[in-house]
PDB file of all heavy atoms in Angstrom:
ATOM      1  N   ILE A   1     -30.696  74.678 118.892  1.00  0.00           N
ATOM      2  CA  ILE A   1     -30.951  75.754 117.942  1.00  0.00           C
ATOM      3  C   ILE A   1     -29.731  76.657 117.816  1.00  0.00           C
ATOM      4  O   ILE A   1     -29.403  77.129 116.723  1.00  0.00           O
ATOM      5  CB  ILE A   1     -32.201  76.577 118.376  1.00  0.00           C
ATOM      6  CG1 ILE A   1     -32.528  77.636 117.338  1.00  0.00           C
ATOM      7  CG2 ILE A   1     -31.984  77.190 119.755  1.00  0.00           C
ATOM      8  CD1 ILE A   1     -32.880  77.102 115.981  1.00  0.00           C
ATOM      9  N   GLU A   2     -29.019  76.883 118.920  1.00  0.00           N
ATOM     10  CA  GLU A   2     -27.821  77.718 118.865  1.00  0.00           C
ATOM     11  C   GLU A   2     -26.711  77.026 118.090  1.00  0.00           C
ATOM     12  O   GLU A   2     -25.982  77.663 117.327  1.00  0.00           O
ATOM     13  CB  GLU A   2     -27.353  78.036 120.290  1.00  0.00           C
ATOM     14  CG  GLU A   2     -28.345  78.886 121.082  1.00  0.00           C
ATOM     15  CD  GLU A   2     -27.956  78.975 122.540  1.00  0.00           C
ATOM     16  OE1 GLU A   2     -27.103  78.171 122.986  1.00  0.00           O
ATOM     17  OE2 GLU A   2     -28.500  79.845 123.238  1.00  0.00           O
ATOM     18  N   GLU A   3     -26.572  75.723 118.290  1.00  0.00           N
ATOM     19  CA  GLU A   3     -25.562  74.971 117.553  1.00  0.00           C
ATOM     20  C   GLU A   3     -25.881  74.959 116.058  1.00  0.00           C
ATOM     21  O   GLU A   3     -24.992  75.091 115.219  1.00  0.00           O
ATOM     22  CB  GLU A   3     -25.498  73.539 118.079  1.00  0.00           C
ATOM     23  CG  GLU A   3     -24.385  72.713 117.472  1.00  0.00           C
ATOM     24  CD  GLU A   3     -24.293  71.326 118.085  1.00  0.00           C
ATOM     25  OE1 GLU A   3     -25.053  71.043 119.026  1.00  0.00           O
ATOM     26  OE2 GLU A   3     -23.449  70.535 117.616  1.00  0.00           O
ATOM     27  N   TYR A   4     -27.172  74.817 115.730  1.00  0.00           N
ATOM     28  CA  TYR A   4     -27.594  74.854 114.326  1.00  0.00           C
ATOM     29  C   TYR A   4     -27.252  76.196 113.696  1.00  0.00           C
ATOM     30  O   TYR A   4     -26.696  76.256 112.598  1.00  0.00           O
ATOM     31  CB  TYR A   4     -29.090  74.590 114.246  1.00  0.00           C
ATOM     32  CG  TYR A   4     -29.704  74.936 112.899  1.00  0.00           C
ATOM     33  CD1 TYR A   4     -29.551  74.097 111.802  1.00  0.00           C
ATOM     34  CD2 TYR A   4     -30.429  76.110 112.740  1.00  0.00           C
ATOM     35  CE1 TYR A   4     -30.105  74.419 110.574  1.00  0.00           C
ATOM     36  CE2 TYR A   4     -30.984  76.441 111.512  1.00  0.00           C
ATOM     37  CZ  TYR A   4     -30.823  75.597 110.437  1.00  0.00           C
ATOM     38  OH  TYR A   4     -31.364  75.928 109.220  1.00  0.00           O
ATOM     39  N   GLU A   5     -27.572  77.288 114.400  1.00  0.00           N
ATOM     40  CA  GLU A   5     -27.314  78.616 113.855  1.00  0.00           C
ATOM     41  C   GLU A   5     -25.814  78.852 113.685  1.00  0.00           C
ATOM     42  O   GLU A   5     -25.382  79.479 112.711  1.00  0.00           O
ATOM     43  CB  GLU A   5     -27.925  79.673 114.769  1.00  0.00           C
ATOM     44  CG  GLU A   5     -29.454  79.660 114.760  1.00  0.00           C
ATOM     45  CD  GLU A   5     -30.046  80.642 115.745  1.00  0.00           C
ATOM     46  OE1 GLU A   5     -29.258  81.249 116.514  1.00  0.00           O
ATOM     47  OE2 GLU A   5     -31.280  80.812 115.752  1.00  0.00           O
ATOM     48  N   SER A   6     -24.999  78.354 114.623  1.00  0.00           N
ATOM     49  CA  SER A   6     -23.556  78.512 114.511  1.00  0.00           C
ATOM     50  C   SER A   6     -23.005  77.771 113.304  1.00  0.00           C
ATOM     51  O   SER A   6     -22.152  78.282 112.574  1.00  0.00           O
ATOM     52  CB  SER A   6     -22.877  78.004 115.795  1.00  0.00           C
ATOM     53  OG  SER A   6     -23.268  78.770 116.911  1.00  0.00           O
ATOM     54  N   GLU A   7     -23.502  76.559 113.083  1.00  0.00           N
ATOM     55  CA  GLU A   7     -23.032  75.778 111.938  1.00  0.00           C
ATOM     56  C   GLU A   7     -23.485  76.401 110.619  1.00  0.00           C
ATOM     57  O   GLU A   7     -22.733  76.395 109.637  1.00  0.00           O
ATOM     58  CB  GLU A   7     -23.538  74.346 112.054  1.00  0.00           C
ATOM     59  CG  GLU A   7     -22.904  73.563 113.208  1.00  0.00           C
ATOM     60  CD  GLU A   7     -23.379  72.128 113.263  1.00  0.00           C
ATOM     61  OE1 GLU A   7     -24.224  71.747 112.414  1.00  0.00           O
ATOM     62  OE2 GLU A   7     -22.915  71.392 114.146  1.00  0.00           O
ATOM     63  N   MET A   8     -24.697  76.929 110.598  1.00  0.00           N
ATOM     64  CA  MET A   8     -25.173  77.593 109.393  1.00  0.00           C
ATOM     65  C   MET A   8     -24.336  78.840 109.104  1.00  0.00           C
ATOM     66  O   MET A   8     -24.002  79.133 107.962  1.00  0.00           O
ATOM     67  CB  MET A   8     -26.646  77.975 109.545  1.00  0.00           C
ATOM     68  CG  MET A   8     -27.581  76.780 109.598  1.00  0.00           C
ATOM     69  SD  MET A   8     -27.573  75.778 108.095  1.00  0.00           S
ATOM     70  CE  MET A   8     -28.362  76.886 106.951  1.00  0.00           C
ATOM     71  N   TYR A   9     -23.981  79.557 110.154  1.00  0.00           N
ATOM     72  CA  TYR A   9     -23.161  80.748 109.975  1.00  0.00           C
ATOM     73  C   TYR A   9     -21.777  80.371 109.454  1.00  0.00           C
ATOM     74  O   TYR A   9     -21.206  81.043 108.595  1.00  0.00           O
ATOM     75  CB  TYR A   9     -23.049  81.495 111.293  1.00  0.00           C
ATOM     76  CG  TYR A   9     -22.180  82.728 111.224  1.00  0.00           C
ATOM     77  CD1 TYR A   9     -22.627  83.870 110.567  1.00  0.00           C
ATOM     78  CD2 TYR A   9     -20.920  82.749 111.813  1.00  0.00           C
ATOM     79  CE1 TYR A   9     -21.834  84.999 110.489  1.00  0.00           C
ATOM     80  CE2 TYR A   9     -20.121  83.880 111.736  1.00  0.00           C
ATOM     81  CZ  TYR A   9     -20.588  85.004 111.075  1.00  0.00           C
ATOM     82  OH  TYR A   9     -19.806  86.115 110.994  1.00  0.00           O
ATOM     83  N   ALA A  10     -21.219  79.272 109.992  1.00  0.00           N
ATOM     84  CA  ALA A  10     -19.887  78.837 109.559  1.00  0.00           C
ATOM     85  C   ALA A  10     -19.885  78.383 108.108  1.00  0.00           C
ATOM     86  O   ALA A  10     -18.856  78.431 107.429  1.00  0.00           O
ATOM     87  CB  ALA A  10     -19.392  77.706 110.461  1.00  0.00           C
ATOM     88  N   ALA A  11     -21.058  77.941 107.614  1.00  0.00           N
ATOM     89  CA  ALA A  11     -21.138  77.447 106.243  1.00  0.00           C
ATOM     90  C   ALA A  11     -21.360  78.547 105.224  1.00  0.00           C
ATOM     91  O   ALA A  11     -21.338  78.293 104.024  1.00  0.00           O
ATOM     92  CB  ALA A  11     -22.271  76.422 106.123  1.00  0.00           C
ATOM     93  N   LEU A  12     -21.560  79.777 105.681  1.00  0.00           N
ATOM     94  CA  LEU A  12     -21.826  80.865 104.752  1.00  0.00           C
ATOM     95  C   LEU A  12     -20.589  81.201 103.935  1.00  0.00           C
ATOM     96  O   LEU A  12     -19.464  81.093 104.427  1.00  0.00           O
ATOM     97  CB  LEU A  12     -22.271  82.119 105.520  1.00  0.00           C
ATOM     98  CG  LEU A  12     -23.625  82.038 106.215  1.00  0.00           C
ATOM     99  CD1 LEU A  12     -23.857  83.301 107.029  1.00  0.00           C
ATOM    100  CD2 LEU A  12     -24.732  81.859 105.191  1.00  0.00           C
ATOM    101  N   PRO A  13     -20.779  81.643 102.685  1.00  0.00           N
ATOM    102  CA  PRO A  13     -19.628  82.080 101.889  1.00  0.00           C
ATOM    103  C   PRO A  13     -19.006  83.331 102.489  1.00  0.00           C
ATOM    104  O   PRO A  13     -19.691  84.192 103.035  1.00  0.00           O
ATOM    105  CB  PRO A  13     -20.249  82.371 100.509  1.00  0.00           C
ATOM    106  CG  PRO A  13     -21.689  82.616 100.781  1.00  0.00           C
ATOM    107  CD  PRO A  13     -22.042  81.736 101.946  1.00  0.00           C
ATOM    108  N   VAL A  14     -17.704  83.420 102.415  1.00  0.00           N
ATOM    109  CA  VAL A  14     -16.986  84.552 102.989  1.00  0.00           C
ATOM    110  C   VAL A  14     -17.214  85.787 102.131  1.00  0.00           C
ATOM    111  O   VAL A  14     -17.079  85.753 100.907  1.00  0.00           O
ATOM    112  CB  VAL A  14     -15.478  84.249 103.090  1.00  0.00           C
ATOM    113  CG1 VAL A  14     -14.730  85.460 103.632  1.00  0.00           C
ATOM    114  CG2 VAL A  14     -15.253  83.036 103.973  1.00  0.00           C
ATOM    115  N   GLU A  15     -17.569  86.884 102.785  1.00  0.00           N
ATOM    116  CA  GLU A  15     -17.774  88.147 102.082  1.00  0.00           C
ATOM    117  C   GLU A  15     -16.517  89.003 102.269  1.00  0.00           C
ATOM    118  O   GLU A  15     -16.273  89.563 103.333  1.00  0.00           O
ATOM    119  CB  GLU A  15     -18.997  88.874 102.665  1.00  0.00           C
ATOM    120  CG  GLU A  15     -20.312  88.207 102.312  1.00  0.00           C
ATOM    121  CD  GLU A  15     -20.592  88.302 100.830  1.00  0.00           C
ATOM    122  OE1 GLU A  15     -20.338  89.372 100.245  1.00  0.00           O
ATOM    123  OE2 GLU A  15     -21.043  87.314 100.255  1.00  0.00           O
ATOM    124  N   GLU A  16     -15.707  89.079 101.230  1.00  0.00           N
ATOM    125  CA  GLU A  16     -14.452  89.798 101.356  1.00  0.00           C
ATOM    126  C   GLU A  16     -14.664  91.276 101.657  1.00  0.00           C
ATOM    127  O   GLU A  16     -13.957  91.871 102.455  1.00  0.00           O
ATOM    128  CB  GLU A  16     -13.644  89.639 100.065  1.00  0.00           C
ATOM    129  CG  GLU A  16     -13.246  88.197  99.780  1.00  0.00           C
ATOM    130  CD  GLU A  16     -12.489  88.080  98.481  1.00  0.00           C
ATOM    131  OE1 GLU A  16     -12.325  89.112  97.801  1.00  0.00           O
ATOM    132  OE2 GLU A  16     -12.061  86.960  98.147  1.00  0.00           O
ATOM    133  N   GLU A  17     -15.667  91.886 100.994  1.00  0.00           N
ATOM    134  CA  GLU A  17     -15.873  93.312 101.193  1.00  0.00           C
ATOM    135  C   GLU A  17     -16.419  93.628 102.576  1.00  0.00           C
ATOM    136  O   GLU A  17     -16.432  94.761 103.000  1.00  0.00           O
ATOM    137  CB  GLU A  17     -16.827  93.867 100.131  1.00  0.00           C
ATOM    138  CG  GLU A  17     -18.193  93.225 100.133  1.00  0.00           C
ATOM    139  CD  GLU A  17     -18.252  92.034  99.201  1.00  0.00           C
ATOM    140  OE1 GLU A  17     -17.237  91.332  99.081  1.00  0.00           O
ATOM    141  OE2 GLU A  17     -19.310  91.837  98.587  1.00  0.00           O
ATOM    142  N   GLU A  18     -16.896  92.572 103.294  1.00  0.00           N
ATOM    143  CA  GLU A  18     -17.428  92.782 104.629  1.00  0.00           C
ATOM    144  C   GLU A  18     -16.408  92.453 105.708  1.00  0.00           C
ATOM    145  O   GLU A  18     -16.693  92.540 106.890  1.00  0.00           O
ATOM    146  CB  GLU A  18     -18.663  91.880 104.839  1.00  0.00           C
ATOM    147  CG  GLU A  18     -19.861  92.253 103.991  1.00  0.00           C
ATOM    148  CD  GLU A  18     -20.491  93.557 104.435  1.00  0.00           C
ATOM    149  OE1 GLU A  18     -20.511  93.814 105.640  1.00  0.00           O
ATOM    150  OE2 GLU A  18     -20.924  94.328 103.564  1.00  0.00           O
ATOM    151  N   GLY A  19     -15.216  92.072 105.305  1.00  0.00           N
ATOM    152  CA  GLY A  19     -14.233  91.604 106.268  1.00  0.00           C
ATOM    153  C   GLY A  19     -13.909  92.627 107.333  1.00  0.00           C
ATOM    154  O   GLY A  19     -13.735  92.312 108.514  1.00  0.00           O
ATOM    155  N   ALA A  20     -13.788  93.873 106.971  1.00  0.00           N
ATOM    156  CA  ALA A  20     -13.419  94.887 107.951  1.00  0.00           C
ATOM    157  C   ALA A  20     -14.545  95.161 108.934  1.00  0.00           C
ATOM    158  O   ALA A  20     -14.320  95.481 110.097  1.00  0.00           O
ATOM    159  CB  ALA A  20     -13.039  96.190 107.235  1.00  0.00           C
ATOM    160  N   GLU A  21     -15.816  95.015 108.469  1.00  0.00           N
ATOM    161  CA  GLU A  21     -16.941  95.312 109.333  1.00  0.00           C
ATOM    162  C   GLU A  21     -17.297  94.133 110.221  1.00  0.00           C
ATOM    163  O   GLU A  21     -17.794  94.303 111.328  1.00  0.00           O
ATOM    164  CB  GLU A  21     -18.147  95.687 108.465  1.00  0.00           C
ATOM    165  CG  GLU A  21     -17.892  96.922 107.609  1.00  0.00           C
ATOM    166  CD  GLU A  21     -19.088  97.216 106.715  1.00  0.00           C
ATOM    167  OE1 GLU A  21     -20.152  96.596 106.941  1.00  0.00           O
ATOM    168  OE2 GLU A  21     -18.957  98.045 105.812  1.00  0.00           O
ATOM    169  N   GLY A  22     -17.087  92.933 109.720  1.00  0.00           N
ATOM    170  CA  GLY A  22     -17.393  91.747 110.511  1.00  0.00           C
ATOM    171  C   GLY A  22     -18.855  91.352 110.483  1.00  0.00           C
ATOM    172  O   GLY A  22     -19.279  90.480 111.220  1.00  0.00           O
ATOM    173  N   GLY A  23     -19.675  91.990 109.654  1.00  0.00           N
ATOM    174  CA  GLY A  23     -21.075  91.588 109.539  1.00  0.00           C
ATOM    175  C   GLY A  23     -21.847  91.975 110.784  1.00  0.00           C
ATOM    176  O   GLY A  23     -21.541  92.917 111.486  1.00  0.00           O
ATOM    177  N   GLY A  24     -22.880  91.176 111.080  1.00  0.00           N
ATOM    178  CA  GLY A  24     -23.618  91.357 112.307  1.00  0.00           C
ATOM    179  C   GLY A  24     -24.966  92.024 112.150  1.00  0.00           C
ATOM    180  O   GLY A  24     -25.516  92.535 113.110  1.00  0.00           O
ATOM    181  N   GLY A  25     -25.546  92.043 110.965  1.00  0.00           N
ATOM    182  CA  GLY A  25     -26.899  92.518 110.829  1.00  0.00           C
ATOM    183  C   GLY A  25     -26.996  93.990 110.492  1.00  0.00           C
ATOM    184  O   GLY A  25     -26.024  94.714 110.414  1.00  0.00           O
ATOM    185  N   ILE A  26     -28.229  94.456 110.330  1.00  0.00           N
ATOM    186  CA  ILE A  26     -28.448  95.814 109.896  1.00  0.00           C
ATOM    187  C   ILE A  26     -29.579  96.444 110.685  1.00  0.00           C
ATOM    188  O   ILE A  26     -30.361  95.764 111.332  1.00  0.00           O
ATOM    189  CB  ILE A  26     -28.801  95.865 108.396  1.00  0.00           C
ATOM    190  CG1 ILE A  26     -30.106  95.087 108.148  1.00  0.00           C
ATOM    191  CG2 ILE A  26     -27.693  95.341 107.541  1.00  0.00           C
ATOM    192  CD1 ILE A  26     -30.622  95.210 106.755  1.00  0.00           C
ATOM    193  N   SER A  27     -29.660  97.719 110.631  1.00  0.00           N
ATOM    194  CA  SER A  27     -30.812  98.455 111.113  1.00  0.00           C
ATOM    195  C   SER A  27     -31.216  99.392 109.989  1.00  0.00           C
ATOM    196  O   SER A  27     -30.496 100.335 109.677  1.00  0.00           O
ATOM    197  CB  SER A  27     -30.476  99.243 112.386  1.00  0.00           C
ATOM    198  OG  SER A  27     -31.553 100.061 112.761  1.00  0.00           O
ATOM    199  N   ILE A  28     -32.350  99.133 109.383  1.00  0.00           N
ATOM    200  CA  ILE A  28     -32.753  99.874 108.196  1.00  0.00           C
ATOM    201  C   ILE A  28     -32.898 101.358 108.497  1.00  0.00           C
ATOM    202  O   ILE A  28     -32.698 102.202 107.643  1.00  0.00           O
ATOM    203  CB  ILE A  28     -34.071  99.287 107.650  1.00  0.00           C
ATOM    204  CG1 ILE A  28     -33.831  97.865 107.167  1.00  0.00           C
ATOM    205  CG2 ILE A  28     -34.642 100.142 106.530  1.00  0.00           C
ATOM    206  CD1 ILE A  28     -35.066  97.167 106.681  1.00  0.00           C
ATOM    207  N   GLU A  29     -33.207 101.675 109.752  1.00  0.00           N
ATOM    208  CA  GLU A  29     -33.426 103.068 110.095  1.00  0.00           C
ATOM    209  C   GLU A  29     -32.129 103.858 110.231  1.00  0.00           C
ATOM    210  O   GLU A  29     -32.128 105.084 110.107  1.00  0.00           O
ATOM    211  CB  GLU A  29     -34.209 103.165 111.416  1.00  0.00           C
ATOM    212  CG  GLU A  29     -35.632 102.633 111.345  1.00  0.00           C
ATOM    213  CD  GLU A  29     -35.702 101.126 111.404  1.00  0.00           C
ATOM    214  OE1 GLU A  29     -34.651 100.506 111.650  1.00  0.00           O
ATOM    215  OE2 GLU A  29     -36.786 100.567 111.179  1.00  0.00           O
ATOM    216  N   THR A  30     -31.005 103.186 110.517  1.00  0.00           N
ATOM    217  CA  THR A  30     -29.782 103.910 110.837  1.00  0.00           C
ATOM    218  C   THR A  30     -28.685 103.789 109.800  1.00  0.00           C
ATOM    219  O   THR A  30     -27.764 104.602 109.785  1.00  0.00           O
ATOM    220  CB  THR A  30     -29.228 103.414 112.190  1.00  0.00           C
ATOM    221  OG1 THR A  30     -28.958 102.015 112.102  1.00  0.00           O
ATOM    222  CG2 THR A  30     -30.243 103.651 113.308  1.00  0.00           C
ATOM    223  N   VAL A  31     -28.733 102.771 108.938  1.00  0.00           N
ATOM    224  CA  VAL A  31     -27.640 102.595 107.989  1.00  0.00           C
ATOM    225  C   VAL A  31     -27.683 103.663 106.902  1.00  0.00           C
ATOM    226  O   VAL A  31     -28.731 104.225 106.597  1.00  0.00           O
ATOM    227  CB  VAL A  31     -27.690 101.197 107.331  1.00  0.00           C
ATOM    228  CG1 VAL A  31     -27.438 100.117 108.349  1.00  0.00           C
ATOM    229  CG2 VAL A  31     -29.028 100.984 106.637  1.00  0.00           C
ATOM    230  N   LYS A  32     -26.536 103.954 106.322  1.00  0.00           N
ATOM    231  CA  LYS A  32     -26.441 104.966 105.274  1.00  0.00           C
ATOM    232  C   LYS A  32     -26.738 104.385 103.891  1.00  0.00           C
ATOM    233  O   LYS A  32     -27.133 105.101 102.996  1.00  0.00           O
ATOM    234  CB  LYS A  32     -25.050 105.593 105.291  1.00  0.00           C
ATOM    235  CG  LYS A  32     -24.736 106.333 106.589  1.00  0.00           C
ATOM    236  CD  LYS A  32     -23.333 106.915 106.552  1.00  0.00           C
ATOM    237  CE  LYS A  32     -23.011 107.646 107.844  1.00  0.00           C
ATOM    238  NZ  LYS A  32     -21.641 108.213 107.846  1.00  0.00           N
ATOM    239  N   VAL A  33     -26.521 103.079 103.734  1.00  0.00           N
ATOM    240  CA  VAL A  33     -26.785 102.449 102.446  1.00  0.00           C
ATOM    241  C   VAL A  33     -28.291 102.428 102.207  1.00  0.00           C
ATOM    242  O   VAL A  33     -29.084 102.222 103.132  1.00  0.00           O
ATOM    243  CB  VAL A  33     -26.214 101.021 102.423  1.00  0.00           C
ATOM    244  CG1 VAL A  33     -26.501 100.348 101.087  1.00  0.00           C
ATOM    245  CG2 VAL A  33     -24.722 101.047 102.704  1.00  0.00           C
ATOM    246  N   ASP A  34     -28.688 102.623 100.978  1.00  0.00           N
ATOM    247  CA  ASP A  34     -30.113 102.609 100.638  1.00  0.00           C
ATOM    248  C   ASP A  34     -30.570 101.166 100.480  1.00  0.00           C
ATOM    249  O   ASP A  34     -30.399 100.554  99.425  1.00  0.00           O
ATOM    250  CB  ASP A  34     -30.353 103.398  99.354  1.00  0.00           C
ATOM    251  CG  ASP A  34     -31.848 103.531  99.039  1.00  0.00           C
ATOM    252  OD1 ASP A  34     -32.654 103.070  99.868  1.00  0.00           O
ATOM    253  OD2 ASP A  34     -32.175 104.081  97.984  1.00  0.00           O
ATOM    254  N   TYR A  35     -31.168 100.641 101.524  1.00  0.00           N
ATOM    255  CA  TYR A  35     -31.645  99.263 101.495  1.00  0.00           C
ATOM    256  C   TYR A  35     -33.077  99.168 101.005  1.00  0.00           C
ATOM    257  O   TYR A  35     -33.681  98.097 101.059  1.00  0.00           O
ATOM    258  CB  TYR A  35     -31.536  98.629 102.884  1.00  0.00           C
ATOM    259  CG  TYR A  35     -30.124  98.304 103.288  1.00  0.00           C
ATOM    260  CD1 TYR A  35     -29.444  99.100 104.201  1.00  0.00           C
ATOM    261  CD2 TYR A  35     -29.476  97.203 102.749  1.00  0.00           C
ATOM    262  CE1 TYR A  35     -28.143  98.806 104.565  1.00  0.00           C
ATOM    263  CE2 TYR A  35     -28.172  96.902 103.107  1.00  0.00           C
ATOM    264  CZ  TYR A  35     -27.511  97.698 104.015  1.00  0.00           C
ATOM    265  OH  TYR A  35     -26.227  97.403 104.367  1.00  0.00           O
ATOM    266  N   SER A  36     -33.634 100.279 100.541  1.00  0.00           N
ATOM    267  CA  SER A  36     -35.012 100.256 100.063  1.00  0.00           C
ATOM    268  C   SER A  36     -35.121  99.826  98.609  1.00  0.00           C
ATOM    269  O   SER A  36     -36.219  99.629  98.106  1.00  0.00           O
ATOM    270  CB  SER A  36     -35.650 101.640 100.231  1.00  0.00           C
ATOM    271  OG  SER A  36     -34.977 102.593  99.418  1.00  0.00           O
ATOM    272  N   VAL A  37     -33.976  99.666  97.945  1.00  0.00           N
ATOM    273  CA  VAL A  37     -33.986  99.247  96.541  1.00  0.00           C
ATOM    274  C   VAL A  37     -33.097  98.018  96.387  1.00  0.00           C
ATOM    275  O   VAL A  37     -32.063  97.900  97.048  1.00  0.00           O
ATOM    276  CB  VAL A  37     -33.491 100.379  95.609  1.00  0.00           C
ATOM    277  CG1 VAL A  37     -34.470 101.538  95.631  1.00  0.00           C
ATOM    278  CG2 VAL A  37     -32.109 100.853  96.013  1.00  0.00           C
ATOM    279  N   PRO A  38     -33.486  97.077  95.548  1.00  0.00           N
ATOM    280  CA  PRO A  38     -32.678  95.867  95.357  1.00  0.00           C
ATOM    281  C   PRO A  38     -31.418  96.138  94.546  1.00  0.00           C
ATOM    282  O   PRO A  38     -31.351  97.087  93.760  1.00  0.00           O
ATOM    283  CB  PRO A  38     -33.627  94.931  94.606  1.00  0.00           C
ATOM    284  CG  PRO A  38     -34.564  95.839  93.896  1.00  0.00           C
ATOM    285  CD  PRO A  38     -34.739  97.037  94.769  1.00  0.00           C
ATOM    286  N   LEU A  39     -30.434  95.292  94.749  1.00  0.00           N
ATOM    287  CA  LEU A  39     -29.218  95.324  93.953  1.00  0.00           C
ATOM    288  C   LEU A  39     -29.505  94.706  92.588  1.00  0.00           C
ATOM    289  O   LEU A  39     -30.254  93.728  92.479  1.00  0.00           O
ATOM    290  CB  LEU A  39     -28.111  94.550  94.659  1.00  0.00           C
ATOM    291  CG  LEU A  39     -27.686  95.093  96.034  1.00  0.00           C
ATOM    292  CD1 LEU A  39     -26.824  94.065  96.754  1.00  0.00           C
ATOM    293  CD2 LEU A  39     -26.946  96.410  95.894  1.00  0.00           C
ATOM    294  N   LEU A  40     -28.872  95.234  91.564  1.00  0.00           N
ATOM    295  CA  LEU A  40     -29.125  94.757  90.205  1.00  0.00           C
ATOM    296  C   LEU A  40     -27.911  94.082  89.575  1.00  0.00           C
ATOM    297  O   LEU A  40     -28.045  93.402  88.555  1.00  0.00           O
ATOM    298  CB  LEU A  40     -29.582  95.924  89.318  1.00  0.00           C
ATOM    299  CG  LEU A  40     -30.863  96.649  89.779  1.00  0.00           C
ATOM    300  CD1 LEU A  40     -31.170  97.815  88.847  1.00  0.00           C
ATOM    301  CD2 LEU A  40     -32.041  95.691  89.854  1.00  0.00           C
ATOM    302  N   GLY A  41     -26.739  94.259  90.161  1.00  0.00           N
ATOM    303  CA  GLY A  41     -25.538  93.671  89.592  1.00  0.00           C
ATOM    304  C   GLY A  41     -25.562  92.156  89.651  1.00  0.00           C
ATOM    305  O   GLY A  41     -25.986  91.563  90.652  1.00  0.00           O
ATOM    306  N   GLN A  42     -25.084  91.524  88.594  1.00  0.00           N
ATOM    307  CA  GLN A  42     -25.115  90.064  88.531  1.00  0.00           C
ATOM    308  C   GLN A  42     -24.251  89.431  89.600  1.00  0.00           C
ATOM    309  O   GLN A  42     -24.603  88.378  90.143  1.00  0.00           O
ATOM    310  CB  GLN A  42     -24.657  89.591  87.144  1.00  0.00           C
ATOM    311  CG  GLN A  42     -24.899  88.113  86.895  1.00  0.00           C
ATOM    312  CD  GLN A  42     -26.356  87.744  87.007  1.00  0.00           C
ATOM    313  OE1 GLN A  42     -27.221  88.418  86.447  1.00  0.00           O
ATOM    314  NE2 GLN A  42     -26.632  86.662  87.718  1.00  0.00           N
ATOM    315  N   ALA A  43     -23.134  90.056  89.931  1.00  0.00           N
ATOM    316  CA  ALA A  43     -22.258  89.507  90.971  1.00  0.00           C
ATOM    317  C   ALA A  43     -22.983  89.459  92.312  1.00  0.00           C
ATOM    318  O   ALA A  43     -22.895  88.471  93.058  1.00  0.00           O
ATOM    319  CB  ALA A  43     -20.982  90.334  91.080  1.00  0.00           C
TER     320      ALA A  43
END
């Protein structure tokens, strides 16, 4: 299962805007971004 998750992670598209943060999940209670509403931009 760990090998599967690693390969799935390696196959993800690179997020350029996330490069400095390095990803790693979220905590809805602590983040400043409003995750309670969906994104509407086509990109």
